Amino acid sequence: FVNCISCCVSSKENAKTNDIDNASFYAGDIKDLLSDEFVKQNGKPHVIITDPPRAGMHKEVVEQIMKIHPEKVVYISCNSATQARDIALMSSIYQVKAIQPVDMFPHTHHVENIALLYKKG
């Protein structure tokens, strides 16, 4: 899922350029897109990559991810506090396997944080 139309178009173009034919891209608010109906029509994802706004994931998104329970969740965040909050909400099903901060904006205090979560058990 991507948040903007131009990112979705770029993702599709990159997939085509790299001969990737086993990925789909959807643009929109994940809270509205990732519904039971969407999963029924498209199948259960094995990996969800999420990059929410600074406020973190909407509570309904966290609940839907836990309901779908993919094997892995890659959580990219520009706000480590909301990322930690959301990961704590998912801690009954997921455990953090790795976290990597990325300084994409040198000379500022902003750091992107990438967390890899695996389903427990």
C-alpha atoms as a PDB file:
ATOM      1  CA  PHE A   1       0.000   0.000   0.000  1.00  0.00           C
ATOM      2  CA  VAL A   2       1.248   3.470  -0.784  1.00  0.00           C
ATOM      3  CA  ASN A   3      -0.159   6.810   0.283  1.00  0.00           C
ATOM      4  CA  CYS A   4       0.113   8.714  -2.969  1.00  0.00           C
ATOM      5  CA  ILE A   5      -0.832   8.093  -6.582  1.00  0.00           C
ATOM      6  CA  SER A   6       2.589   9.088  -7.954  1.00  0.00           C
ATOM      7  CA  CYS A   7       4.326   6.644  -5.592  1.00  0.00           C
ATOM      8  CA  CYS A   8       1.980   3.883  -6.722  1.00  0.00           C
ATOM      9  CA  VAL A   9       2.706   4.653 -10.389  1.00  0.00           C
ATOM     10  CA  SER A  10       6.467   4.674  -9.687  1.00  0.00           C
ATOM     11  CA  SER A  11       6.197   1.376  -7.822  1.00  0.00           C
ATOM     12  CA  LYS A  12       4.388  -0.221 -10.745  1.00  0.00           C
ATOM     13  CA  GLU A  13       6.951   1.140 -13.214  1.00  0.00           C
ATOM     14  CA  ASN A  14       9.853  -0.128 -11.083  1.00  0.00           C
ATOM     15  CA  ALA A  15       8.268  -3.563 -10.807  1.00  0.00           C
ATOM     16  CA  LYS A  16       7.835  -3.723 -14.575  1.00  0.00           C
ATOM     17  CA  THR A  17      11.418  -2.532 -15.198  1.00  0.00           C
ATOM     18  CA  ASN A  18      12.737  -5.224 -12.847  1.00  0.00           C
ATOM     19  CA  ASP A  19      10.500  -8.017 -14.205  1.00  0.00           C
ATOM     20  CA  ILE A  20       8.624  -8.349 -10.912  1.00  0.00           C
ATOM     21  CA  ASP A  21       5.208  -9.781 -11.598  1.00  0.00           C
ATOM     22  CA  ASN A  22       4.237 -11.103  -8.174  1.00  0.00           C
ATOM     23  CA  ALA A  23       3.564  -7.771  -6.446  1.00  0.00           C
ATOM     24  CA  SER A  24       0.538  -5.486  -6.399  1.00  0.00           C
ATOM     25  CA  PHE A  25       0.363  -1.817  -5.466  1.00  0.00           C
ATOM     26  CA  TYR A  26      -2.616   0.127  -4.158  1.00  0.00           C
ATOM     27  CA  ALA A  27      -2.855   3.851  -3.402  1.00  0.00           C
ATOM     28  CA  GLY A  28      -5.026   5.242  -0.632  1.00  0.00           C
ATOM     29  CA  ASP A  29      -5.577   5.310   3.102  1.00  0.00           C
ATOM     30  CA  ILE A  30      -4.738   1.844   4.435  1.00  0.00           C
ATOM     31  CA  LYS A  31      -7.511   2.227   7.017  1.00  0.00           C
ATOM     32  CA  ASP A  32     -10.014   2.239   4.148  1.00  0.00           C
ATOM     33  CA  LEU A  33      -8.240  -0.186   1.795  1.00  0.00           C
ATOM     34  CA  LEU A  34      -7.184  -3.022   4.102  1.00  0.00           C
ATOM     35  CA  SER A  35     -10.657  -4.394   4.762  1.00  0.00           C
ATOM     36  CA  ASP A  36     -11.972  -7.926   5.157  1.00  0.00           C
ATOM     37  CA  GLU A  37     -13.372  -7.617   1.620  1.00  0.00           C
ATOM     38  CA  PHE A  38      -9.956  -6.601   0.243  1.00  0.00           C
ATOM     39  CA  VAL A  39      -8.316  -9.636   1.861  1.00  0.00           C
ATOM     40  CA  LYS A  40     -11.091 -11.893   0.563  1.00  0.00           C
ATOM     41  CA  GLN A  41     -10.586 -10.596  -3.001  1.00  0.00           C
ATOM     42  CA  ASN A  42      -6.761 -10.406  -3.003  1.00  0.00           C
ATOM     43  CA  GLY A  43      -5.660 -13.028  -0.491  1.00  0.00           C
ATOM     44  CA  LYS A  44      -3.814 -12.739   2.785  1.00  0.00           C
ATOM     45  CA  PRO A  45      -0.480 -10.927   2.468  1.00  0.00           C
ATOM     46  CA  HIS A  46       2.651 -12.633   3.790  1.00  0.00           C
ATOM     47  CA  VAL A  47       4.346  -9.283   4.426  1.00  0.00           C
ATOM     48  CA  ILE A  48       2.885  -5.863   5.167  1.00  0.00           C
ATOM     49  CA  ILE A  49       5.109  -2.824   4.778  1.00  0.00           C
ATOM     50  CA  THR A  50       3.721   0.233   6.525  1.00  0.00           C
ATOM     51  CA  ASP A  51       5.019   3.805   6.610  1.00  0.00           C
ATOM     52  CA  PRO A  52       2.374   5.805   8.485  1.00  0.00           C
ATOM     53  CA  PRO A  53       2.390   9.557   9.118  1.00  0.00           C
ATOM     54  CA  ARG A  54       4.036  11.012  12.231  1.00  0.00           C
ATOM     55  CA  ALA A  55       0.898  10.236  14.286  1.00  0.00           C
ATOM     56  CA  GLY A  56       1.461   6.504  13.725  1.00  0.00           C
ATOM     57  CA  MET A  57      -0.985   3.868  12.586  1.00  0.00           C
ATOM     58  CA  HIS A  58      -4.693   4.332  13.139  1.00  0.00           C
ATOM     59  CA  LYS A  59      -6.043   1.951  15.799  1.00  0.00           C
ATOM     60  CA  GLU A  60      -8.230   0.238  13.157  1.00  0.00           C
ATOM     61  CA  VAL A  61      -5.139  -0.433  11.018  1.00  0.00           C
ATOM     62  CA  VAL A  62      -3.330  -2.067  13.948  1.00  0.00           C
ATOM     63  CA  GLU A  63      -6.417  -4.193  14.641  1.00  0.00           C
ATOM     64  CA  GLN A  64      -6.731  -5.238  10.977  1.00  0.00           C
ATOM     65  CA  ILE A  65      -3.036  -6.159  10.713  1.00  0.00           C
ATOM     66  CA  MET A  66      -3.412  -8.323  13.808  1.00  0.00           C
ATOM     67  CA  LYS A  67      -6.559  -9.899  12.376  1.00  0.00           C
ATOM     68  CA  ILE A  68      -4.776 -10.723   9.103  1.00  0.00           C
ATOM     69  CA  HIS A  69      -1.597 -11.721  11.002  1.00  0.00           C
ATOM     70  CA  PRO A  70       0.930 -11.785   8.142  1.00  0.00           C
ATOM     71  CA  GLU A  71       4.237 -13.543   8.803  1.00  0.00           C
ATOM     72  CA  LYS A  72       6.182 -10.252   8.753  1.00  0.00           C
ATOM     73  CA  VAL A  73       5.493  -6.562   9.240  1.00  0.00           C
ATOM     74  CA  VAL A  74       8.034  -3.972   8.151  1.00  0.00           C
ATOM     75  CA  TYR A  75       7.241  -0.761  10.005  1.00  0.00           C
ATOM     76  CA  ILE A  76       8.948   2.390   8.739  1.00  0.00           C
ATOM     77  CA  SER A  77       8.497   5.435  10.929  1.00  0.00           C
ATOM     78  CA  CYS A  78       9.609   9.029  11.273  1.00  0.00           C
ATOM     79  CA  ASN A  79       8.402   9.064  14.893  1.00  0.00           C
ATOM     80  CA  SER A  80       9.937   6.430  17.142  1.00  0.00           C
ATOM     81  CA  ALA A  81       7.454   7.188  19.949  1.00  0.00           C
ATOM     82  CA  THR A  82       4.364   6.336  17.891  1.00  0.00           C
ATOM     83  CA  GLN A  83       6.205   3.413  16.339  1.00  0.00           C
ATOM     84  CA  ALA A  84       6.939   2.034  19.817  1.00  0.00           C
ATOM     85  CA  ARG A  85       3.285   2.548  20.802  1.00  0.00           C
ATOM     86  CA  ASP A  86       2.028   0.664  17.739  1.00  0.00           C
ATOM     87  CA  ILE A  87       4.545  -2.156  18.150  1.00  0.00           C
ATOM     88  CA  ALA A  88       3.470  -2.522  21.790  1.00  0.00           C
ATOM     89  CA  LEU A  89      -0.149  -2.853  20.602  1.00  0.00           C
ATOM     90  CA  MET A  90       0.943  -5.724  18.344  1.00  0.00           C
ATOM     91  CA  SER A  91       3.254  -7.394  20.879  1.00  0.00           C
ATOM     92  CA  SER A  92       0.861 -10.237  21.651  1.00  0.00           C
ATOM     93  CA  ILE A  93       1.359 -11.554  18.102  1.00  0.00           C
ATOM     94  CA  TYR A  94       4.644  -9.994  16.912  1.00  0.00           C
ATOM     95  CA  GLN A  95       8.177  -9.682  18.188  1.00  0.00           C
ATOM     96  CA  VAL A  96      10.786  -7.248  16.949  1.00  0.00           C
ATOM     97  CA  LYS A  97      13.615  -9.025  15.130  1.00  0.00           C
ATOM     98  CA  ALA A  98      15.582  -5.968  14.014  1.00  0.00           C
ATOM     99  CA  ILE A  99      15.504  -2.190  14.157  1.00  0.00           C
ATOM    100  CA  GLN A 100      17.579   0.066  11.913  1.00  0.00           C
ATOM    101  CA  PRO A 101      17.619   3.860  12.212  1.00  0.00           C
ATOM    102  CA  VAL A 102      18.331   5.705   8.957  1.00  0.00           C
ATOM    103  CA  ASP A 103      19.484   9.320   8.931  1.00  0.00           C
ATOM    104  CA  MET A 104      17.883  10.563   5.728  1.00  0.00           C
ATOM    105  CA  PHE A 105      17.989  14.207   6.751  1.00  0.00           C
ATOM    106  CA  PRO A 106      21.523  15.072   7.902  1.00  0.00           C
ATOM    107  CA  HIS A 107      21.915  18.114  10.104  1.00  0.00           C
ATOM    108  CA  THR A 108      18.381  17.728  11.509  1.00  0.00           C
ATOM    109  CA  HIS A 109      17.050  15.712  14.428  1.00  0.00           C
ATOM    110  CA  HIS A 110      14.775  13.673  12.128  1.00  0.00           C
ATOM    111  CA  VAL A 111      15.603   9.974  11.767  1.00  0.00           C
ATOM    112  CA  GLU A 112      13.605   7.281   9.991  1.00  0.00           C
ATOM    113  CA  ASN A 113      13.355   4.049  11.928  1.00  0.00           C
ATOM    114  CA  ILE A 114      12.739   0.676  10.293  1.00  0.00           C
ATOM    115  CA  ALA A 115      11.500  -2.189  12.448  1.00  0.00           C
ATOM    116  CA  LEU A 116      11.144  -5.778  11.268  1.00  0.00           C
ATOM    117  CA  LEU A 117       8.491  -7.717  13.145  1.00  0.00           C
ATOM    118  CA  TYR A 118       7.974 -11.493  12.903  1.00  0.00           C
ATOM    119  CA  LYS A 119       4.945 -13.424  14.012  1.00  0.00           C
ATOM    120  CA  LYS A 120       5.625 -15.206  17.312  1.00  0.00           C
ATOM    121  CA  GLY A 121       5.706 -18.951  17.484  1.00  0.00           C
END
